[in-house]
């Protein structure tokens, strides 16, 4: 298989990034609509169920797209046989998992959430697992071929379907007519997954793999897929498991800090459903980079092209810094009013700012983990996430129960977990590749170009308030001013806009 050009790598990244940004934008709208449809406490209930769904998906299929894409990129098997074996693997796991969720819904609801009201919601998410099983194989097929259009379209369409239906429910039918609004929100999950699968299936029918003889035994192919996918699955399952533990632990610890149960659930919904979605919005770039880096670095590494691997690493970290550094400055200065505008969340700065700082580490952590997986060391992100997650849970237990300071303790614990995972993964990237990262070039110019945002945007907002400019126009123009200042700073520092693109 011929090595992919750098142009194809970055075009694929641009395609996925554009789709991810569109999906994240729709996701913010979806969260806004959810907050209005469910209210603070209802959103908290939804956010308690959603991590369990993610854990189920992760257990069933998380490593499959990576394994399929990497094996296709390395030319280790024909696409037809690889897809058949991968589909058999995910169905072997998914179908029993669906049955277990349906049969054990009541004991799961009581054990995890201490309330039987969650039973219908657990039943509602089970059909989504089947759609995700097929989608994961098709997604890996397109990623391995460096054909990003259909995965990108599926990602956007999935969110768009949920937004359209929720918007219709809010504007055409009173949500007060529904006896269980959180259940309605949960039912949108399998609907969105079905839309995504339909687009991927359509793309597969239009671009099927070429027939190719393959004498490799299915058992050997299955072992190869599992060898690549199991560490990734365990790593992501760890993250999903931590989210499930947090969904159960955080409300309990907040009650110990002095909150009522309703207030604790509402606070959990504000943190995970209102503050974090805005902070995690920039991760669209690093998720796209990570997705493309895995097959690209795997291919370069298989050809022993060390210089090319180093080039991918430096360029990906530099691209991440170019976007996430100014976004972090914007979040530090404008994040709270933006969050209030979108969600009416009223999150205090003592909670929001630690989450922003933690999010900065997470942006880079996603890219570092993708590099390690592309090098074939899918085990390292797993162990690094394990240590970081144990640290995060320990800090939640210690800090969240502090009287009157529970919310701040949770924010510090989450930020510490993000930072620890990032630093561990960075250490192993440097150790395995011996790459020399030009830290000054990577961070220096973006930081210098972004620093005026911190100084100028508060002054701009104060000047607009003198003219009684409305909140929406104030924030919109402030974001535009921040962007203009950043691009001007990059131009002054000698960074070409073509290089930024």
Protein backbone atom coordinates (compact mmCIF):
# COMPACT_ATOMS: atom_id res chain seq x y z
CA UNK A 1 0.00 0.00 0.00
CA UNK A 2 1.45 3.35 -1.00
CA UNK A 3 2.14 5.90 1.75
CA UNK A 4 -0.45 8.62 2.08
CA UNK A 5 0.67 12.14 1.27
CA UNK A 6 0.69 14.82 3.93
CA UNK A 7 -1.89 16.67 1.82
CA UNK A 8 -4.33 13.76 2.09
CA UNK A 9 -3.77 13.55 5.85
CA UNK A 10 -4.52 17.23 6.36
CA UNK A 11 -7.43 17.18 3.92
CA UNK A 12 -8.93 14.32 5.85
CA UNK A 13 -8.32 16.18 9.09
CA UNK A 14 -9.93 19.31 7.64
CA UNK A 15 -12.97 17.31 6.55
CA UNK A 16 -13.41 15.66 9.94
CA UNK A 17 -12.65 18.89 11.79
CA UNK A 18 -15.26 20.80 9.81
CA UNK A 19 -17.78 18.07 10.51
CA UNK A 20 -16.77 17.91 14.16
CA UNK A 21 -17.10 21.68 14.55
CA UNK A 22 -20.50 21.59 12.87
CA UNK A 23 -21.48 18.66 15.09
CA UNK A 24 -20.23 20.45 18.20
CA UNK A 25 -22.11 23.57 17.17
CA UNK A 26 -25.27 21.53 16.73
CA UNK A 27 -24.41 19.83 20.02
CA UNK A 28 -24.39 23.18 21.79
CA UNK A 29 -27.77 24.00 20.27
CA UNK A 30 -28.99 20.55 21.31
CA UNK A 31 -27.81 21.16 24.88
CA UNK A 32 -29.54 24.52 24.92
CA UNK A 33 -32.79 22.92 23.76
CA UNK A 34 -32.37 20.08 26.25
CA UNK A 35 -31.88 22.55 29.09
CA UNK A 36 -35.13 24.29 28.15
CA UNK A 37 -37.01 21.04 27.52
CA UNK A 38 -35.87 19.28 30.69
CA UNK A 39 -34.97 22.03 33.15
CA UNK A 40 -31.97 21.80 35.46
CA UNK A 41 -33.05 18.71 37.38
CA UNK A 42 -34.30 16.86 34.27
CA UNK A 43 -31.01 17.58 32.49
CA UNK A 44 -29.20 16.19 35.52
CA UNK A 45 -31.21 12.95 35.24
CA UNK A 46 -30.39 12.70 31.54
CA UNK A 47 -26.70 13.33 32.24
CA UNK A 48 -26.72 10.54 34.83
CA UNK A 49 -27.98 7.99 32.24
CA UNK A 50 -25.86 9.13 29.29
CA UNK A 51 -22.46 7.99 30.71
CA UNK A 52 -23.88 4.48 31.17
CA UNK A 53 -24.91 4.45 27.51
CA UNK A 54 -21.42 5.57 26.49
CA UNK A 55 -19.95 2.78 28.63
CA UNK A 56 -22.16 0.21 26.86
CA UNK A 57 -21.13 1.51 23.43
CA UNK A 58 -17.50 1.48 24.46
CA UNK A 59 -17.69 -2.08 25.74
CA UNK A 60 -19.31 -3.24 22.52
CA UNK A 61 -17.43 -1.43 19.75
CA UNK A 62 -15.01 1.28 20.90
CA UNK A 63 -11.82 -0.21 19.50
CA UNK A 64 -13.31 -1.57 16.28
CA UNK A 65 -13.01 1.54 14.04
CA UNK A 66 -9.38 2.02 15.07
CA UNK A 67 -8.50 -1.64 14.50
CA UNK A 68 -10.24 -1.79 11.10
CA UNK A 69 -8.77 1.52 9.92
CA UNK A 70 -5.25 0.60 11.04
CA UNK A 71 -5.32 -2.85 9.42
CA UNK A 72 -6.67 -1.43 6.17
CA UNK A 73 -4.00 1.30 6.17
CA UNK A 74 -1.27 -1.28 6.71
CA UNK A 75 -2.71 -3.59 4.02
CA UNK A 76 -2.85 -6.56 6.38
CA UNK A 77 -6.11 -8.00 5.03
CA UNK A 78 -8.66 -7.56 2.27
CA UNK A 79 -11.42 -5.12 3.09
CA UNK A 80 -14.24 -7.61 2.44
CA UNK A 81 -12.98 -10.26 4.82
CA UNK A 82 -11.91 -7.69 7.39
CA UNK A 83 -15.40 -6.15 7.48
CA UNK A 84 -17.10 -9.53 7.77
CA UNK A 85 -14.94 -10.64 10.68
CA UNK A 86 -15.20 -7.25 12.43
CA UNK A 87 -19.00 -7.27 12.10
CA UNK A 88 -19.19 -10.77 13.56
CA UNK A 89 -17.05 -9.67 16.52
CA UNK A 90 -19.14 -6.61 17.40
CA UNK A 91 -22.44 -8.47 17.03
CA UNK A 92 -21.16 -11.27 19.26
CA UNK A 93 -20.64 -8.67 21.98
CA UNK A 94 -23.53 -6.30 21.28
CA UNK A 95 -26.49 -8.68 21.12
CA UNK A 96 -25.91 -10.29 24.55
CA UNK A 97 -25.19 -6.84 25.98
CA UNK A 98 -28.55 -5.56 24.74
CA UNK A 99 -30.32 -8.54 26.29
CA UNK A 100 -28.58 -8.02 29.62
CA UNK A 101 -29.56 -4.34 29.75
CA UNK A 102 -33.20 -5.16 29.01
CA UNK A 103 -33.41 -7.99 31.56
CA UNK A 104 -31.34 -6.32 34.31
CA UNK A 105 -32.65 -2.78 33.89
CA UNK A 106 -34.28 -2.68 37.34
CA UNK A 107 -31.27 -3.89 39.40
CA UNK A 108 -28.99 -1.63 37.34
CA UNK A 109 -31.19 1.40 38.01
CA UNK A 110 -31.32 0.68 41.74
CA UNK A 111 -27.59 -0.04 42.01
CA UNK A 112 -26.32 2.87 39.93
CA UNK A 113 -28.91 5.57 40.59
CA UNK A 114 -30.82 4.38 43.68
CA UNK A 115 -34.14 4.94 41.88
CA UNK A 116 -36.40 2.72 39.73
CA UNK A 117 -37.49 5.71 37.64
CA UNK A 118 -34.39 5.11 35.48
CA UNK A 119 -35.63 1.68 34.26
CA UNK A 120 -37.53 2.99 31.15
CA UNK A 121 -34.52 5.10 30.20
CA UNK A 122 -32.23 2.06 30.28
CA UNK A 123 -34.68 0.15 28.08
CA UNK A 124 -34.78 3.10 25.68
CA UNK A 125 -31.03 3.19 25.03
CA UNK A 126 -30.61 -0.53 24.30
CA UNK A 127 -31.69 -0.44 20.57
CA UNK A 128 -29.01 2.17 19.86
CA UNK A 129 -26.31 -0.41 20.54
CA UNK A 130 -27.21 -2.41 17.44
CA UNK A 131 -27.00 0.64 15.17
CA UNK A 132 -23.67 1.63 16.72
CA UNK A 133 -22.30 -1.90 16.15
CA UNK A 134 -22.74 -1.71 12.37
CA UNK A 135 -21.73 1.97 12.24
CA UNK A 136 -18.42 1.28 13.99
CA UNK A 137 -17.32 -1.21 11.33
CA UNK A 138 -18.31 1.06 8.45
CA UNK A 139 -16.63 4.04 10.09
CA UNK A 140 -13.37 2.10 10.40
CA UNK A 141 -13.65 1.10 6.74
CA UNK A 142 -13.87 4.72 5.55
CA UNK A 143 -11.17 5.94 7.94
CA UNK A 144 -8.77 3.23 6.80
CA UNK A 145 -9.30 4.29 3.19
CA UNK A 146 -8.77 7.96 4.15
CA UNK A 147 -12.26 8.72 2.79
CA UNK A 148 -13.70 11.05 5.41
CA UNK A 149 -16.76 12.43 3.65
CA UNK A 150 -19.30 9.85 4.80
CA UNK A 151 -18.13 9.62 8.45
CA UNK A 152 -18.22 13.42 8.53
CA UNK A 153 -21.72 13.57 7.02
CA UNK A 154 -22.97 10.88 9.41
CA UNK A 155 -21.60 12.77 12.39
CA UNK A 156 -23.38 15.98 11.43
CA UNK A 157 -26.64 14.32 10.40
CA UNK A 158 -26.89 12.45 13.70
CA UNK A 159 -26.84 15.70 15.68
CA UNK A 160 -29.02 17.54 13.18
CA UNK A 161 -31.78 14.94 13.48
CA UNK A 162 -31.85 15.28 17.28
CA UNK A 163 -31.82 19.08 17.13
CA UNK A 164 -34.65 19.18 14.57
CA UNK A 165 -36.90 16.84 16.53
CA UNK A 166 -36.24 18.52 19.87
CA UNK A 167 -36.83 21.95 18.32
CA UNK A 168 -40.15 20.70 16.91
CA UNK A 169 -41.18 19.31 20.29
CA UNK A 170 -40.42 22.61 21.99
CA UNK A 171 -42.16 24.80 19.43
CA UNK A 172 -45.02 22.66 18.15
CA UNK A 173 -45.94 20.63 21.22
CA UNK A 174 -45.80 21.77 24.82
CA UNK A 175 -43.24 19.71 26.72
CA UNK A 176 -45.62 19.81 29.68
CA UNK A 177 -47.78 17.29 27.81
CA UNK A 178 -45.07 14.64 28.26
CA UNK A 179 -45.20 12.87 31.63
CA UNK A 180 -41.49 11.91 31.44
CA UNK A 181 -39.43 14.46 29.43
CA UNK A 182 -36.04 12.81 30.30
CA UNK A 183 -37.31 9.59 28.67
CA UNK A 184 -38.15 11.53 25.48
CA UNK A 185 -34.61 12.94 25.46
CA UNK A 186 -33.14 9.44 25.88
CA UNK A 187 -35.26 8.10 22.99
CA UNK A 188 -33.53 10.59 20.70
CA UNK A 189 -30.26 8.67 21.17
CA UNK A 190 -31.20 5.57 19.12
CA UNK A 191 -32.91 7.81 16.57
CA UNK A 192 -29.69 9.74 15.95
CA UNK A 193 -27.64 6.54 15.73
CA UNK A 194 -30.06 5.14 13.13
CA UNK A 195 -29.61 8.25 10.96
CA UNK A 196 -25.82 7.94 11.21
CA UNK A 197 -25.93 4.26 10.22
CA UNK A 198 -28.15 5.00 7.22
CA UNK A 199 -25.63 7.50 5.81
CA UNK A 200 -22.64 5.21 6.38
CA UNK A 201 -24.49 2.29 4.77
CA UNK A 202 -25.36 4.46 1.78
CA UNK A 203 -21.70 5.45 1.42
CA UNK A 204 -20.60 1.81 1.61
CA UNK A 205 -23.04 0.81 -1.13
CA UNK A 206 -21.69 3.60 -3.32
CA UNK A 207 -18.02 2.80 -2.60
CA UNK A 208 -17.78 -0.91 -1.85
CA UNK A 209 -14.35 -2.52 -1.46
CA UNK A 210 -12.76 -4.07 -4.52
CA UNK A 211 -12.87 -7.88 -4.59
CA UNK A 212 -9.53 -9.28 -3.51
CA UNK A 213 -8.34 -12.78 -2.75
CA UNK A 214 -7.34 -13.26 0.87
CA UNK A 215 -6.13 -16.61 2.16
CA UNK A 216 -5.78 -15.43 5.73
CA UNK A 217 -7.72 -17.55 8.22
CA UNK A 218 -10.72 -15.78 9.85
CA UNK A 219 -9.51 -16.90 13.28
CA UNK A 220 -6.16 -15.20 12.75
CA UNK A 221 -7.84 -12.07 11.45
CA UNK A 222 -10.17 -11.99 14.45
CA UNK A 223 -7.20 -12.29 16.82
CA UNK A 224 -5.44 -9.43 15.04
CA UNK A 225 -8.54 -7.22 15.31
CA UNK A 226 -9.00 -8.03 18.98
CA UNK A 227 -5.32 -7.43 19.71
CA UNK A 228 -5.64 -3.88 18.38
CA UNK A 229 -9.15 -3.13 19.61
CA UNK A 230 -9.15 -4.54 23.15
CA UNK A 231 -6.62 -2.04 24.62
CA UNK A 232 -8.49 0.86 23.00
CA UNK A 233 -11.81 -0.51 24.25
CA UNK A 234 -10.45 -0.92 27.76
CA UNK A 235 -9.00 2.59 27.69
CA UNK A 236 -12.26 4.17 26.59
CA UNK A 237 -14.27 1.87 28.82
CA UNK A 238 -12.20 3.16 31.69
CA UNK A 239 -13.18 6.72 30.81
CA UNK A 240 -16.82 5.73 30.42
CA UNK A 241 -16.71 3.75 33.66
CA UNK A 242 -15.30 6.77 35.45
CA UNK A 243 -18.18 8.85 34.06
CA UNK A 244 -20.68 6.27 35.37
CA UNK A 245 -19.00 6.30 38.79
CA UNK A 246 -19.05 10.10 38.80
CA UNK A 247 -22.73 10.16 37.82
CA UNK A 248 -23.46 8.09 40.93
CA UNK A 249 -20.80 9.55 43.25
CA UNK A 250 -20.99 13.29 42.61
CA UNK A 251 -24.67 13.80 43.58
CA UNK A 252 -24.08 11.75 46.74
CA UNK A 253 -20.99 13.74 47.75
CA UNK A 254 -22.76 17.02 46.98
CA UNK A 255 -25.55 15.99 49.34
CA UNK A 256 -22.93 15.39 52.01
CA UNK A 257 -21.63 18.92 51.39
CA UNK A 258 -25.07 20.24 52.38
CA UNK A 259 -27.16 20.21 49.18
CA UNK A 260 -30.59 18.63 48.80
CA UNK A 261 -30.90 15.73 46.33
CA UNK A 262 -32.69 17.91 43.77
CA UNK A 263 -30.01 20.62 44.06
CA UNK A 264 -27.23 18.02 43.79
CA UNK A 265 -28.74 16.51 40.60
CA UNK A 266 -29.26 20.01 39.19
CA UNK A 267 -25.63 20.94 39.92
CA UNK A 268 -24.41 17.74 38.26
CA UNK A 269 -26.47 18.65 35.18
CA UNK A 270 -25.00 22.17 35.12
CA UNK A 271 -21.43 20.91 35.31
CA UNK A 272 -21.66 18.04 32.82
CA UNK A 273 -24.44 19.26 30.54
CA UNK A 274 -23.85 23.03 30.44
CA UNK A 275 -20.30 24.03 31.43
CA UNK A 276 -18.24 21.13 30.01
CA UNK A 277 -19.88 21.05 26.51
CA UNK A 278 -18.75 24.63 25.87
CA UNK A 279 -15.24 23.95 27.20
CA UNK A 280 -14.87 20.73 25.20
CA UNK A 281 -15.99 22.36 21.93
CA UNK A 282 -12.36 22.92 20.71
CA UNK A 283 -11.59 19.22 21.11
CA UNK A 284 -13.24 18.82 17.69
CA UNK A 285 -9.82 19.55 16.14
CA UNK A 286 -7.81 17.16 18.29
CA UNK A 287 -10.36 14.36 17.92
CA UNK A 288 -10.13 14.76 14.13
CA UNK A 289 -6.35 14.89 14.25
CA UNK A 290 -6.21 11.83 16.46
CA UNK A 291 -8.55 9.91 14.15
CA UNK A 292 -6.34 10.66 11.14
CA UNK A 293 -3.03 10.25 12.96
CA UNK A 294 -3.69 6.62 13.94
CA UNK A 295 -3.67 5.12 10.40
CA UNK A 296 -1.18 7.73 9.12
CA UNK A 297 1.42 7.12 11.82
CA UNK A 298 0.78 3.37 11.68
CA UNK A 299 1.53 3.40 7.95
CA UNK A 300 4.66 5.55 8.32
CA UNK A 301 5.87 3.46 11.22
CA UNK A 302 5.30 0.23 9.26
CA UNK A 303 7.56 1.62 6.53
CA UNK A 304 10.10 2.68 9.21
CA UNK A 305 9.85 6.31 8.09
CA UNK A 306 10.97 7.88 11.35
CA UNK A 307 11.37 11.38 9.93
CA UNK A 308 7.85 11.29 8.56
CA UNK A 309 6.46 10.13 11.91
CA UNK A 310 8.27 13.01 13.66
CA UNK A 311 6.88 15.46 11.11
CA UNK A 312 3.32 14.28 11.74
CA UNK A 313 3.79 14.62 15.49
CA UNK A 314 5.24 18.14 15.38
CA UNK A 315 2.67 19.39 12.86
CA UNK A 316 -0.27 17.92 14.77
CA UNK A 317 0.80 19.42 18.11
CA UNK A 318 1.50 22.77 16.45
CA UNK A 319 -1.93 22.75 14.78
CA UNK A 320 -3.55 21.91 18.10
CA UNK A 321 -1.76 24.81 19.79
CA UNK A 322 -2.70 27.27 17.03
CA UNK A 323 -6.39 26.65 17.67
CA UNK A 324 -6.67 25.77 21.34
CA UNK A 325 -4.47 28.50 22.84
CA UNK A 326 -6.65 31.40 21.57
CA UNK A 327 -9.82 29.45 22.39
CA UNK A 328 -8.58 29.01 25.95
CA UNK A 329 -8.00 32.76 26.25
CA UNK A 330 -11.51 33.39 24.89
CA UNK A 331 -13.01 30.95 27.38
CA UNK A 332 -11.13 32.57 30.26
CA UNK A 333 -12.44 36.03 29.35
CA UNK A 334 -15.81 35.37 27.70
CA UNK A 335 -16.65 31.78 28.67
CA UNK A 336 -18.90 32.55 31.64
CA UNK A 337 -21.18 35.06 29.86
CA UNK A 338 -21.29 32.75 26.82
CA UNK A 339 -22.30 29.84 29.04
CA UNK A 340 -24.99 31.96 30.66
CA UNK A 341 -26.24 33.07 27.24
CA UNK A 342 -26.46 29.52 25.87
CA UNK A 343 -27.68 27.62 28.92
CA UNK A 344 -28.65 30.13 31.65
CA UNK A 345 -26.41 27.96 33.81
CA UNK A 346 -25.12 30.53 36.33
CA UNK A 347 -21.92 28.53 36.89
CA UNK A 348 -19.57 30.44 39.26
CA UNK A 349 -16.11 31.44 38.04
CA UNK A 350 -14.50 29.35 40.79
CA UNK A 351 -15.95 26.28 39.04
CA UNK A 352 -15.66 27.37 35.40
CA UNK A 353 -12.03 28.53 35.34
CA UNK A 354 -10.51 25.28 36.70
CA UNK A 355 -12.51 23.39 34.08
CA UNK A 356 -11.14 25.67 31.33
CA UNK A 357 -7.57 25.03 32.48
CA UNK A 358 -8.21 21.30 32.62
CA UNK A 359 -9.77 21.43 29.15
CA UNK A 360 -6.56 22.94 27.76
CA UNK A 361 -4.67 19.82 28.85
CA UNK A 362 -7.40 17.57 27.44
CA UNK A 363 -7.09 19.11 23.97
CA UNK A 364 -3.47 17.95 23.74
CA UNK A 365 -4.09 14.68 25.56
CA UNK A 366 -6.39 13.50 22.75
CA UNK A 367 -3.64 14.11 20.17
CA UNK A 368 -0.95 12.41 22.29
CA UNK A 369 -3.18 9.35 22.78
CA UNK A 370 -3.77 9.14 19.01
CA UNK A 371 -0.02 9.21 18.38
CA UNK A 372 0.58 6.37 20.83
CA UNK A 373 -2.17 4.27 19.26
CA UNK A 374 -0.76 4.90 15.80
CA UNK A 375 2.59 3.61 17.04
CA UNK A 376 0.85 0.40 18.07
CA UNK A 377 1.08 1.13 21.82
CA UNK A 378 -2.64 1.13 22.48
CA UNK A 379 -1.92 -0.15 25.99
CA UNK A 380 -0.21 3.03 27.17
CA UNK A 381 -3.21 5.41 26.98
CA UNK A 382 -5.15 2.74 28.89
CA UNK A 383 -2.77 2.67 31.86
CA UNK A 384 -2.28 6.42 31.81
CA UNK A 385 -6.04 6.98 31.85
CA UNK A 386 -6.35 4.47 34.69
CA UNK A 387 -3.93 6.35 36.92
CA UNK A 388 -5.43 9.73 36.04
CA UNK A 389 -8.98 8.46 36.63
CA UNK A 390 -8.11 7.01 40.02
CA UNK A 391 -6.61 10.38 40.95
CA UNK A 392 -9.77 12.17 39.76
CA UNK A 393 -12.15 9.90 41.69
CA UNK A 394 -10.04 10.18 44.84
CA UNK A 395 -10.09 13.97 44.61
CA UNK A 396 -13.86 13.97 44.02
CA UNK A 397 -14.33 11.85 47.14
CA UNK A 398 -12.10 14.14 49.19
CA UNK A 399 -13.10 17.56 47.86
CA UNK A 400 -16.76 17.25 46.75
CA UNK A 401 -18.02 16.55 50.26
CA UNK A 402 -16.48 19.71 51.73
CA UNK A 403 -19.31 21.82 53.23
CA UNK A 404 -20.21 24.70 50.94
CA UNK A 405 -17.34 24.03 48.50
CA UNK A 406 -18.47 20.84 46.75
CA UNK A 407 -18.81 22.30 43.26
CA UNK A 408 -15.34 23.84 43.35
CA UNK A 409 -13.87 20.56 44.54
CA UNK A 410 -15.42 18.69 41.61
CA UNK A 411 -14.00 21.19 39.11
CA UNK A 412 -10.50 20.87 40.59
CA UNK A 413 -10.72 17.06 40.54
CA UNK A 414 -11.81 16.94 36.89
CA UNK A 415 -9.08 19.39 35.84
CA UNK A 416 -6.44 17.40 37.69
CA UNK A 417 -7.51 14.21 35.92
CA UNK A 418 -7.24 15.86 32.49
CA UNK A 419 -3.80 17.28 33.27
CA UNK A 420 -2.40 14.02 34.66
CA UNK A 421 -3.48 11.97 31.63
CA UNK A 422 -2.00 14.55 29.23
CA UNK A 423 1.38 14.62 30.96
CA UNK A 424 1.62 10.83 31.16
CA UNK A 425 0.84 10.41 27.45
CA UNK A 426 3.27 13.17 26.49
CA UNK A 427 6.03 11.45 28.46
CA UNK A 428 5.59 8.20 26.52
CA UNK A 429 5.35 9.95 23.14
CA UNK A 430 8.71 11.58 23.79
CA UNK A 431 10.21 8.38 25.16
CA UNK A 432 9.10 6.12 22.29
CA UNK A 433 9.73 8.41 19.32
CA UNK A 434 12.68 10.49 20.57
CA UNK A 435 11.06 13.36 18.71
CA UNK A 436 12.32 16.84 19.48
CA UNK A 437 9.35 19.14 19.94
CA UNK A 438 10.17 22.83 19.30
CA UNK A 439 8.20 24.06 22.30
CA UNK A 440 9.04 27.71 21.68
CA UNK A 441 7.71 27.62 18.13
CA UNK A 442 4.70 25.50 19.04
CA UNK A 443 3.51 27.57 22.01
CA UNK A 444 5.40 30.88 21.78
CA UNK A 445 3.80 32.59 18.80
CA UNK A 446 0.21 31.46 19.48
CA UNK A 447 0.49 32.51 23.13
CA UNK A 448 1.93 35.94 22.26
CA UNK A 449 -0.73 36.45 19.58
CA UNK A 450 -3.53 35.41 21.94
CA UNK A 451 -2.43 37.35 25.02
CA UNK A 452 -4.01 40.67 23.86
CA UNK A 453 -7.40 38.90 23.94
CA UNK A 454 -7.15 38.78 27.73
CA UNK A 455 -6.51 42.52 27.92
CA UNK A 456 -8.62 43.96 25.12
CA UNK A 457 -11.93 42.08 25.27
CA UNK A 458 -12.89 43.29 28.79
CA UNK A 459 -12.18 46.87 27.67
CA UNK A 460 -14.25 46.35 24.52
CA UNK A 461 -17.17 44.99 26.55
CA UNK A 462 -16.97 47.89 29.01
CA UNK A 463 -17.03 50.37 26.12
CA UNK A 464 -20.08 48.68 24.56
CA UNK A 465 -21.94 48.72 27.87
CA UNK A 466 -21.61 52.51 27.93
CA UNK A 467 -23.67 52.52 24.73
CA UNK A 468 -26.23 50.08 26.20
CA UNK A 469 -25.46 47.39 23.61
CA UNK A 470 -27.43 44.16 24.21
CA UNK A 471 -25.80 41.03 25.61
CA UNK A 472 -25.98 39.01 22.40
CA UNK A 473 -24.39 41.71 20.24
CA UNK A 474 -21.86 42.45 22.99
CA UNK A 475 -20.64 38.85 23.14
CA UNK A 476 -20.79 38.28 19.38
CA UNK A 477 -18.72 41.38 18.66
CA UNK A 478 -16.31 40.51 21.48
CA UNK A 479 -15.62 37.11 19.92
CA UNK A 480 -15.01 38.79 16.54
CA UNK A 481 -12.62 41.28 18.18
CA UNK A 482 -10.78 38.39 19.85
CA UNK A 483 -10.41 36.59 16.50
CA UNK A 484 -9.19 39.75 14.77
CA UNK A 485 -6.64 40.39 17.52
CA UNK A 486 -5.34 36.83 17.28
CA UNK A 487 -4.92 36.85 13.51
CA UNK A 488 -3.26 40.26 13.72
CA UNK A 489 -0.90 38.96 16.39
CA UNK A 490 -0.01 35.95 14.26
CA UNK A 491 0.68 38.18 11.27
CA UNK A 492 2.93 40.45 13.34
CA UNK A 493 4.81 37.43 14.70
CA UNK A 494 5.51 36.21 11.18
CA UNK A 495 3.07 33.27 11.07
CA UNK A 496 1.60 32.99 7.58
CA UNK A 497 -2.15 32.46 7.36
CA UNK A 498 -1.54 29.74 4.75
CA UNK A 499 0.51 27.91 7.38
CA UNK A 500 -2.33 28.28 9.87
CA UNK A 501 -4.77 26.76 7.36
